[in-house]
Every structure is written in structure tokens, then in C-alpha cells.
C-alpha atoms as a PDB file:
ATOM      1  CA  MET A   1      -0.018   0.033   0.021  1.00  0.00           C
ATOM      2  CA  PHE A   2       2.726   2.554   0.881  1.00  0.00           C
ATOM      3  CA  GLU A   3       4.315   2.078  -2.703  1.00  0.00           C
ATOM      4  CA  ARG A   4       0.940   3.440  -4.124  1.00  0.00           C
ATOM      5  CA  PHE A   5       1.592   6.894  -2.895  1.00  0.00           C
ATOM      6  CA  ARG A   6       4.060   9.265  -4.565  1.00  0.00           C
ATOM      7  CA  PHE A   7       4.973  12.719  -3.084  1.00  0.00           C
ATOM      8  CA  VAL A   8       5.463  15.248  -5.710  1.00  0.00           C
ATOM      9  CA  LEU A   9       7.395  18.418  -5.142  1.00  0.00           C
ATOM     10  CA  CYS A  10       6.819  21.125  -7.739  1.00  0.00           C
ATOM     11  CA  THR A  11       9.754  23.486  -8.498  1.00  0.00           C
ATOM     12  CA  PRO A  12      11.538  23.105  -5.258  1.00  0.00           C
ATOM     13  CA  THR A  13      14.158  25.883  -5.056  1.00  0.00           C
ATOM     14  CA  HIS A  14      16.430  24.810  -2.173  1.00  0.00           C
ATOM     15  CA  PRO A  15      18.210  21.468  -2.307  1.00  0.00           C
ATOM     16  CA  GLY A  16      18.104  20.904   1.294  1.00  0.00           C
ATOM     17  CA  ASN A  17      14.457  20.898   1.172  1.00  0.00           C
ATOM     18  CA  ILE A  18      14.663  17.915  -1.049  1.00  0.00           C
ATOM     19  CA  GLY A  19      16.840  16.311   1.105  1.00  0.00           C
ATOM     20  CA  ALA A  20      14.659  16.886   4.140  1.00  0.00           C
ATOM     21  CA  ALA A  21      11.581  15.694   2.368  1.00  0.00           C
ATOM     22  CA  ALA A  22      13.489  12.395   1.387  1.00  0.00           C
ATOM     23  CA  ARG A  23      14.384  11.852   5.015  1.00  0.00           C
ATOM     24  CA  ALA A  24      10.793  12.757   6.253  1.00  0.00           C
ATOM     25  CA  LEU A  25       9.419   9.988   3.778  1.00  0.00           C
ATOM     26  CA  LYS A  26      11.911   7.312   4.674  1.00  0.00           C
ATOM     27  CA  THR A  27      11.122   7.674   8.360  1.00  0.00           C
ATOM     28  CA  MET A  28       7.401   7.027   7.703  1.00  0.00           C
ATOM     29  CA  GLY A  29       8.011   4.119   5.361  1.00  0.00           C
ATOM     30  CA  PHE A  30       7.324   5.878   1.855  1.00  0.00           C
ATOM     31  CA  GLY A  31       9.820   5.642  -0.919  1.00  0.00           C
ATOM     32  CA  ARG A  32       8.534   7.518  -4.011  1.00  0.00           C
ATOM     33  CA  LEU A  33       9.711  10.901  -4.327  1.00  0.00           C
ATOM     34  CA  VAL A  34       8.892  12.918  -7.555  1.00  0.00           C
ATOM     35  CA  LEU A  35      10.426  16.230  -8.518  1.00  0.00           C
ATOM     36  CA  VAL A  36       9.064  18.649 -10.954  1.00  0.00           C
ATOM     37  CA  ASN A  37      11.756  21.091 -12.383  1.00  0.00           C
ATOM     38  CA  PRO A  38      13.740  21.188  -9.375  1.00  0.00           C
ATOM     39  CA  ARG A  39      16.185  24.303  -9.414  1.00  0.00           C
ATOM     40  CA  HIS A  40      19.374  22.214  -8.058  1.00  0.00           C
ATOM     41  CA  PHE A  41      19.383  18.548  -8.209  1.00  0.00           C
ATOM     42  CA  PRO A  42      21.305  16.218  -7.587  1.00  0.00           C
ATOM     43  CA  ASP A  43      23.045  18.506  -5.300  1.00  0.00           C
ATOM     44  CA  PRO A  44      25.374  17.818  -2.112  1.00  0.00           C
ATOM     45  CA  LYS A  45      23.111  19.998   0.023  1.00  0.00           C
ATOM     46  CA  ALA A  46      20.149  17.458  -0.660  1.00  0.00           C
ATOM     47  CA  SER A  47      22.444  14.527   0.316  1.00  0.00           C
ATOM     48  CA  ALA A  48      23.558  16.149   3.487  1.00  0.00           C
ATOM     49  CA  ARG A  49      19.954  16.973   4.541  1.00  0.00           C
ATOM     50  CA  ALA A  50      18.815  13.636   3.721  1.00  0.00           C
ATOM     51  CA  ALA A  51      20.780  12.166   6.474  1.00  0.00           C
ATOM     52  CA  GLY A  52      20.643   8.416   5.531  1.00  0.00           C
ATOM     53  CA  ALA A  53      17.801   8.795   3.026  1.00  0.00           C
ATOM     54  CA  ASP A  54      20.266   8.690   0.009  1.00  0.00           C
ATOM     55  CA  ASP A  55      18.433   5.788  -1.598  1.00  0.00           C
ATOM     56  CA  LEU A  56      15.287   8.002  -1.875  1.00  0.00           C
ATOM     57  CA  LEU A  57      17.247  10.619  -3.636  1.00  0.00           C
ATOM     58  CA  ALA A  58      18.775   8.087  -6.027  1.00  0.00           C
ATOM     59  CA  ARG A  59      15.471   6.636  -7.123  1.00  0.00           C
ATOM     60  CA  ALA A  60      13.631  10.134  -7.179  1.00  0.00           C
ATOM     61  CA  VAL A  61      12.084  10.732 -10.431  1.00  0.00           C
ATOM     62  CA  VAL A  62      12.567  14.165 -12.085  1.00  0.00           C
ATOM     63  CA  CYS A  63       9.780  15.410 -14.479  1.00  0.00           C
ATOM     64  CA  ALA A  64       9.614  18.348 -16.779  1.00  0.00           C
ATOM     65  CA  SER A  65       5.883  19.175 -15.700  1.00  0.00           C
ATOM     66  CA  LEU A  66       3.259  18.426 -13.201  1.00  0.00           C
ATOM     67  CA  ASP A  67       1.415  16.579 -15.847  1.00  0.00           C
ATOM     68  CA  ASP A  68       4.262  14.324 -16.485  1.00  0.00           C
ATOM     69  CA  ALA A  69       4.571  13.724 -12.662  1.00  0.00           C
ATOM     70  CA  LEU A  70       0.793  12.590 -12.405  1.00  0.00           C
ATOM     71  CA  GLN A  71       0.745  10.094 -15.092  1.00  0.00           C
ATOM     72  CA  GLY A  72      -1.065   6.917 -13.951  1.00  0.00           C
ATOM     73  CA  VAL A  73      -2.493   8.496 -10.711  1.00  0.00           C
ATOM     74  CA  THR A  74      -6.238   7.960  -9.994  1.00  0.00           C
ATOM     75  CA  LEU A  75      -6.175  10.641  -7.400  1.00  0.00           C
ATOM     76  CA  SER A  76      -4.068  13.802  -7.114  1.00  0.00           C
ATOM     77  CA  VAL A  77      -4.214  15.946  -3.805  1.00  0.00           C
ATOM     78  CA  GLY A  78      -2.961  19.456  -3.740  1.00  0.00           C
ATOM     79  CA  LEU A  79      -1.502  20.763  -0.672  1.00  0.00           C
ATOM     80  CA  THR A  80      -2.188  24.355   0.000  1.00  0.00           C
ATOM     81  CA  ALA A  81      -1.852  26.895   2.797  1.00  0.00           C
ATOM     82  CA  ARG A  82      -4.762  29.077   1.845  1.00  0.00           C
ATOM     83  CA  ARG A  83      -8.145  28.942   0.368  1.00  0.00           C
ATOM     84  CA  ARG A  84      -8.374  29.608  -3.340  1.00  0.00           C
ATOM     85  CA  ASP A  85     -11.000  31.054  -5.648  1.00  0.00           C
ATOM     86  CA  LEU A  86     -11.901  27.375  -6.773  1.00  0.00           C
ATOM     87  CA  SER A  87     -14.470  24.935  -6.180  1.00  0.00           C
ATOM     88  CA  HIS A  88     -12.196  22.117  -5.269  1.00  0.00           C
ATOM     89  CA  PRO A  89     -13.188  20.092  -2.200  1.00  0.00           C
ATOM     90  CA  MET A  90     -10.661  21.252   0.464  1.00  0.00           C
ATOM     91  CA  LEU A  91     -10.091  18.865   3.425  1.00  0.00           C
ATOM     92  CA  PRO A  92      -8.038  19.085   6.596  1.00  0.00           C
ATOM     93  CA  LEU A  93      -5.108  16.988   6.584  1.00  0.00           C
ATOM     94  CA  ARG A  94      -6.246  14.423   9.118  1.00  0.00           C
ATOM     95  CA  GLU A  95      -9.585  13.986   7.302  1.00  0.00           C
ATOM     96  CA  LEU A  96      -7.983  13.467   3.985  1.00  0.00           C
ATOM     97  CA  ALA A  97      -5.485  10.915   5.434  1.00  0.00           C
ATOM     98  CA  SER A  98      -8.315   8.770   6.885  1.00  0.00           C
ATOM     99  CA  SER A  99      -9.791   8.676   3.328  1.00  0.00           C
ATOM    100  CA  LEU A 100      -6.908   7.622   1.336  1.00  0.00           C
ATOM    101  CA  PRO A 101      -6.277   3.830   2.164  1.00  0.00           C
ATOM    102  CA  GLN A 102      -9.559   3.242   0.201  1.00  0.00           C
ATOM    103  CA  GLU A 103      -8.083   5.102  -2.736  1.00  0.00           C
ATOM    104  CA  ALA A 104      -5.000   3.095  -2.749  1.00  0.00           C
ATOM    105  CA  LEU A 105      -6.806  -0.405  -3.164  1.00  0.00           C
ATOM    106  CA  GLY A 106      -6.852  -2.284  -6.395  1.00  0.00           C
ATOM    107  CA  GLU A 107      -5.322  -0.267  -9.124  1.00  0.00           C
ATOM    108  CA  GLY A 108      -5.293   3.112  -7.466  1.00  0.00           C
ATOM    109  CA  GLU A 109      -2.415   5.371  -7.223  1.00  0.00           C
ATOM    110  CA  VAL A 110      -2.320   8.525  -5.122  1.00  0.00           C
ATOM    111  CA  ALA A 111      -0.289  11.669  -5.657  1.00  0.00           C
ATOM    112  CA  LEU A 112       0.367  14.212  -2.848  1.00  0.00           C
ATOM    113  CA  VAL A 113       1.433  17.429  -4.618  1.00  0.00           C
ATOM    114  CA  PHE A 114       3.316  20.300  -2.890  1.00  0.00           C
ATOM    115  CA  GLY A 115       4.124  23.672  -4.288  1.00  0.00           C
ATOM    116  CA  THR A 116       7.319  25.645  -4.369  1.00  0.00           C
ATOM    117  CA  GLU A 117       8.644  27.013  -1.146  1.00  0.00           C
ATOM    118  CA  MET A 118       7.910  30.841  -1.655  1.00  0.00           C
ATOM    119  CA  SER A 119       4.420  30.713  -3.274  1.00  0.00           C
ATOM    120  CA  GLY A 120       2.902  27.023  -3.232  1.00  0.00           C
ATOM    121  CA  LEU A 121       1.030  25.763  -6.126  1.00  0.00           C
ATOM    122  CA  THR A 122      -0.066  27.788  -8.778  1.00  0.00           C
ATOM    123  CA  ASN A 123      -3.704  27.710  -9.830  1.00  0.00           C
ATOM    124  CA  ALA A 124      -2.760  26.100 -13.186  1.00  0.00           C
ATOM    125  CA  GLU A 125      -1.130  23.263 -10.964  1.00  0.00           C
ATOM    126  CA  LEU A 126      -4.250  23.094  -8.716  1.00  0.00           C
ATOM    127  CA  ASP A 127      -6.363  22.617 -11.739  1.00  0.00           C
ATOM    128  CA  LEU A 128      -4.504  19.196 -12.250  1.00  0.00           C
ATOM    129  CA  CYS A 129      -5.535  18.228  -8.651  1.00  0.00           C
ATOM    130  CA  GLN A 130      -8.718  16.623  -7.719  1.00  0.00           C
ATOM    131  CA  ILE A 131      -8.813  17.564  -4.060  1.00  0.00           C
ATOM    132  CA  LEU A 132      -7.145  20.165  -1.945  1.00  0.00           C
ATOM    133  CA  ALA A 133      -5.829  19.695   1.739  1.00  0.00           C
ATOM    134  CA  HIS A 134      -4.498  21.845   4.201  1.00  0.00           C
ATOM    135  CA  ILE A 135      -2.514  21.521   7.363  1.00  0.00           C
ATOM    136  CA  PRO A 136      -4.329  23.307  10.135  1.00  0.00           C
ATOM    137  CA  THR A 137      -2.094  25.739  11.728  1.00  0.00           C
ATOM    138  CA  ASP A 138      -2.384  28.814  13.854  1.00  0.00           C
ATOM    139  CA  PRO A 139      -4.059  31.485  11.710  1.00  0.00           C
ATOM    140  CA  ALA A 140      -1.748  34.079  12.855  1.00  0.00           C
ATOM    141  CA  PHE A 141       1.333  32.203  11.388  1.00  0.00           C
ATOM    142  CA  GLY A 142       0.764  29.402   9.017  1.00  0.00           C
ATOM    143  CA  SER A 143       4.276  29.271   7.304  1.00  0.00           C
ATOM    144  CA  LEU A 144       5.687  25.613   7.092  1.00  0.00           C
ATOM    145  CA  ASN A 145       8.876  24.531   5.813  1.00  0.00           C
ATOM    146  CA  LEU A 146       8.500  22.334   2.827  1.00  0.00           C
ATOM    147  CA  GLY A 147      10.292  19.419   4.563  1.00  0.00           C
ATOM    148  CA  ALA A 148       8.105  19.840   7.673  1.00  0.00           C
ATOM    149  CA  ALA A 149       4.950  19.748   5.695  1.00  0.00           C
ATOM    150  CA  VAL A 150       6.114  16.525   4.022  1.00  0.00           C
ATOM    151  CA  GLN A 151       6.771  15.061   7.298  1.00  0.00           C
ATOM    152  CA  LEU A 152       3.441  15.902   8.541  1.00  0.00           C
ATOM    153  CA  VAL A 153       1.561  14.448   5.579  1.00  0.00           C
ATOM    154  CA  ALA A 154       3.432  11.310   5.631  1.00  0.00           C
ATOM    155  CA  TYR A 155       3.007  10.665   9.350  1.00  0.00           C
ATOM    156  CA  GLU A 156      -0.896  11.313   9.081  1.00  0.00           C
ATOM    157  CA  LEU A 157      -0.845   9.047   6.045  1.00  0.00           C
ATOM    158  CA  ARG A 158       1.015   6.355   7.759  1.00  0.00           C
ATOM    159  CA  HIS A 159      -1.005   6.267  10.781  1.00  0.00           C
ATOM    160  CA  ALA A 160      -4.231   6.030   8.547  1.00  0.00           C
ATOM    161  CA  LEU A 161      -2.797   3.015   6.521  1.00  0.00           C
ATOM    162  CA  ARG A 162      -1.731   1.118   9.521  1.00  0.00           C
ATOM    163  CA  GLN A 163      -5.388   1.142  11.061  1.00  0.00           C
ATOM    164  CA  GLU A 164      -7.169  -2.180  10.530  1.00  0.00           C
ATOM    165  CA  ARG A 165     -10.089  -0.877   8.561  1.00  0.00           C
ATOM    166  CA  GLY A 166     -10.701  -3.709   6.060  1.00  0.00           C
ATOM    167  CA  PRO A 167     -11.657  -1.488   3.211  1.00  0.00           C
ATOM    168  CA  GLN A 168     -12.786  -3.094  -0.051  1.00  0.00           C
ATOM    169  CA  ALA A 169     -11.406  -2.624  -3.310  1.00  0.00           C
ATOM    170  CA  ARG A 170     -13.430  -0.653  -6.016  1.00  0.00           C
ATOM    171  CA  GLU A 171     -15.206  -3.175  -8.083  1.00  0.00           C
ATOM    172  CA  TYR A 172     -14.702  -0.801 -11.210  1.00  0.00           C
ATOM    173  CA  PRO A 173     -11.317   0.945 -11.474  1.00  0.00           C
ATOM    174  CA  LEU A 174     -11.143   4.834 -11.626  1.00  0.00           C
ATOM    175  CA  ALA A 175     -10.213   6.720 -14.666  1.00  0.00           C
ATOM    176  CA  THR A 176      -6.301   7.627 -14.365  1.00  0.00           C
ATOM    177  CA  HIS A 177      -4.791  11.201 -14.706  1.00  0.00           C
ATOM    178  CA  ASP A 178      -3.870  10.353 -18.106  1.00  0.00           C
ATOM    179  CA  ASP A 179      -7.444   9.129 -18.963  1.00  0.00           C
ATOM    180  CA  MET A 180      -8.880  12.336 -17.735  1.00  0.00           C
ATOM    181  CA  GLU A 181      -6.542  14.644 -19.475  1.00  0.00           C
ATOM    182  CA  LEU A 182      -7.389  13.103 -22.783  1.00  0.00           C
ATOM    183  CA  PHE A 183     -11.057  13.468 -22.281  1.00  0.00           C
ATOM    184  CA  TYR A 184     -10.670  17.057 -21.259  1.00  0.00           C
ATOM    185  CA  ALA A 185      -8.755  17.692 -24.509  1.00  0.00           C
ATOM    186  CA  HIS A 186     -11.487  15.835 -26.523  1.00  0.00           C
ATOM    187  CA  LEU A 187     -14.158  17.799 -24.591  1.00  0.00           C
ATOM    188  CA  GLU A 188     -12.574  21.059 -25.419  1.00  0.00           C
ATOM    189  CA  ARG A 189     -12.228  20.248 -29.078  1.00  0.00           C
ATOM    190  CA  VAL A 190     -15.829  19.444 -29.331  1.00  0.00           C
ATOM    191  CA  LEU A 191     -16.963  22.595 -27.415  1.00  0.00           C
ATOM    192  CA  THR A 192     -14.731  24.755 -29.609  1.00  0.00           C
ATOM    193  CA  GLY A 193     -15.762  23.162 -32.780  1.00  0.00           C
ATOM    194  CA  SER A 194     -19.413  23.263 -32.045  1.00  0.00           C
ATOM    195  CA  GLY A 195     -19.341  26.989 -31.195  1.00  0.00           C
ATOM    196  CA  PHE A 196     -20.324  26.579 -27.666  1.00  0.00           C
ATOM    197  CA  LEU A 197     -16.746  27.679 -26.514  1.00  0.00           C
ATOM    198  CA  ASP A 198     -15.129  30.749 -27.909  1.00  0.00           C
ATOM    199  CA  PRO A 199     -11.332  30.194 -27.717  1.00  0.00           C
ATOM    200  CA  GLN A 200     -10.755  33.930 -27.851  1.00  0.00           C
ATOM    201  CA  HIS A 201     -12.980  34.278 -24.758  1.00  0.00           C
ATOM    202  CA  PRO A 202     -13.007  31.034 -22.754  1.00  0.00           C
ATOM    203  CA  GLY A 203     -13.584  32.383 -19.613  1.00  0.00           C
ATOM    204  CA  ARG A 204     -13.421  29.621 -16.931  1.00  0.00           C
ATOM    205  CA  LEU A 205     -15.601  27.166 -18.661  1.00  0.00           C
ATOM    206  CA  MET A 206     -12.784  24.143 -18.741  1.00  0.00           C
ATOM    207  CA  VAL A 207     -11.866  25.065 -15.163  1.00  0.00           C
ATOM    208  CA  ARG A 208     -15.299  24.608 -13.915  1.00  0.00           C
ATOM    209  CA  LEU A 209     -15.848  21.525 -15.989  1.00  0.00           C
ATOM    210  CA  ARG A 210     -12.649  20.076 -14.566  1.00  0.00           C
ATOM    211  CA  ARG A 211     -13.974  20.766 -11.128  1.00  0.00           C
ATOM    212  CA  LEU A 212     -17.425  18.953 -11.942  1.00  0.00           C
ATOM    213  CA  PHE A 213     -15.726  15.844 -13.265  1.00  0.00           C
ATOM    214  CA  SER A 214     -13.267  15.813 -10.423  1.00  0.00           C
ATOM    215  CA  ARG A 215     -16.047  15.685  -7.758  1.00  0.00           C
ATOM    216  CA  ALA A 216     -17.708  12.857  -9.851  1.00  0.00           C
ATOM    217  CA  ARG A 217     -14.505  10.482  -9.568  1.00  0.00           C
ATOM    218  CA  VAL A 218     -15.150   9.171 -12.940  1.00  0.00           C
ATOM    219  CA  GLU A 219     -14.565   5.643 -13.630  1.00  0.00           C
ATOM    220  CA  ARG A 220     -12.392   4.333 -16.484  1.00  0.00           C
ATOM    221  CA  GLU A 221     -15.367   2.696 -18.203  1.00  0.00           C
ATOM    222  CA  GLU A 222     -17.345   5.979 -17.888  1.00  0.00           C
ATOM    223  CA  ILE A 223     -14.688   7.989 -19.565  1.00  0.00           C
ATOM    224  CA  SER A 224     -14.921   5.462 -22.596  1.00  0.00           C
ATOM    225  CA  ILE A 225     -18.707   6.071 -22.579  1.00  0.00           C
ATOM    226  CA  LEU A 226     -18.310  10.015 -22.423  1.00  0.00           C
ATOM    227  CA  ARG A 227     -15.833   9.990 -25.385  1.00  0.00           C
ATOM    228  CA  GLY A 228     -17.738   7.790 -27.453  1.00  0.00           C
ATOM    229  CA  ILE A 229     -20.950  10.323 -26.717  1.00  0.00           C
ATOM    230  CA  LEU A 230     -18.527  13.006 -27.931  1.00  0.00           C
ATOM    231  CA  ARG A 231     -17.590  11.456 -31.001  1.00  0.00           C
ATOM    232  CA  THR A 232     -21.039  10.515 -31.923  1.00  0.00           C
ATOM    233  CA  LEU A 233     -22.376  14.040 -31.138  1.00  0.00           C
ATOM    234  CA  TYR A 234     -19.776  15.629 -32.932  1.00  0.00           C
ATOM    235  CA  PRO A 235     -18.305  13.526 -35.669  1.00  0.00           C
ATOM    236  CA  ALA A 236     -16.633  16.752 -37.250  1.00  0.00           C
ATOM    237  CA  ASP A 237     -13.858  16.205 -34.462  1.00  0.00           C
ATOM    238  CA  ASP A 238     -11.485  14.204 -36.848  1.00  0.00           C
ATOM    239  CA  GLY A 239      -8.304  14.720 -34.499  1.00  0.00           C
ATOM    240  CA  SER A 240      -6.761  17.238 -36.524  1.00  0.00           C
ATOM    241  CA  SER A 241      -6.761  19.947 -33.823  1.00  0.00           C
ATOM    242  CA  PRO A 242      -3.518  20.854 -32.347  1.00  0.00           C
ATOM    243  CA  LEU A 243      -5.321  20.111 -28.926  1.00  0.00           C
ATOM    244  CA  ASN A 244      -5.558  16.511 -30.014  1.00  0.00           C
ATOM    245  CA  ARG A 245      -3.685  14.310 -27.692  1.00  0.00           C
ATOM    246  CA  GLY A 246      -5.581  10.861 -28.467  1.00  0.00           C
END
């Protein structure tokens, strides 16, 4: 179960924080660290702060984008310190952690996504996450070091995974991040081609549609049905658009 969770650090600027995150994960039994565009990696400062978790640094996956880092996951959780003007569900950390063992059963994989040290996750990065979570802190001072935030999340998740809950695997597997991104691209092409979406003035239509389907937790079979409907309703979508991804 522990290997079904990946911890994703977006654009970490300080290599010491990468090492601290690796150490935090190893103490809690997790081993999958993913780095999106790290400013300095590998780096001696990361190894020094890892304090014996060098094996996690050696296995860390480096990606060029968050989209690449989320390939194959069925749930992505964005950790943020402040409420955003988005309609994502937003959970306190402990409540989130208690729900995650169920997500990792069967074929499920979960990504815990952390933003850069200075400003956290961007709205574009949060658009790729289905749920937002926050670590309850003193409202007067909510600043947490990246390594400390990873430690807290890993601790709460370890506690939840070790509970004897006896959860049942899903009968039908959820759509992966890859499946959903292909669907969103297909949907945007159809909405544009039909005239419903004006690409010059798109507003927040696609953002709101992403939120809708994120709340629905769509199954893989349902995505096939939805894309079949799109092909039938708008056969003019021949895949020639530059938005086409599959």
C-alpha cells in the first residue's frame, strides 16, 4: 500500500528541502519522491539533509511538468496553505488521510502534490488536482517549511494506512490522470468546434468542467462512454486540432 503513494514536489528551489523531504518520507516508510523542475538536483546539500535517505534521492523521478508527474494516478491531492477561488473540495489533513487507504486499493495510485517554497502551488497546478488539503496551523502564522509539511502529511498517512479498517477495493477502476486529460482535450475540441466555447474568450468554462468531473470521481469505463458520446455528437472532430492528444 505504501508504494501506491507518490510525493510530488513542484519546482523546489532549495536542494536542502529535497533532502529533508526524502528523510521525512523514509522515516514514515514511503519511498516514491517525484521532483518537477527542481532548481538544483542532484546537489550535495540535498544529500546532506537526507541524513541516510540517499537511496530515496537516487530513486527520485525528475519530471519536466506536473502533468508528467501525475501520469497513472487515480487521485491527485494539492496541499495548499490558503483557500483559493476554486470549487475544489478542501479537507483538513487528518480527514484527508483517513480517506486515502481506500483510494490505494486495487489499481489506485495517489499523488500528494506540494508547491514551491515561496508561493505554493499555482492555480494551473491546482487545476490538475482533484482535491485540495491543508495542514491546520495557527491562523496568525501558517508558514511551514516544505520538509516539515511533507513530514506531517507522511505521518498522518502512515497512521491511516496502519489502521485495521478492512476497506474493500473498488469493483470498477477509476480513470487515471492520463485518461482524464485526454477526455478534457477531447471535450474542449468538441466544445470549440461546435461553437459553444469561444477560444478567444474561454472564461473559466474548462476550469469549472474540470471541477465537476473531479467531484464525480469518474471510472475508466465511464470515460470511454463519455468519449464515445462526444464522437457521436460531433463526428467533425477528426483529431486534426492541435489540441488532439489521443
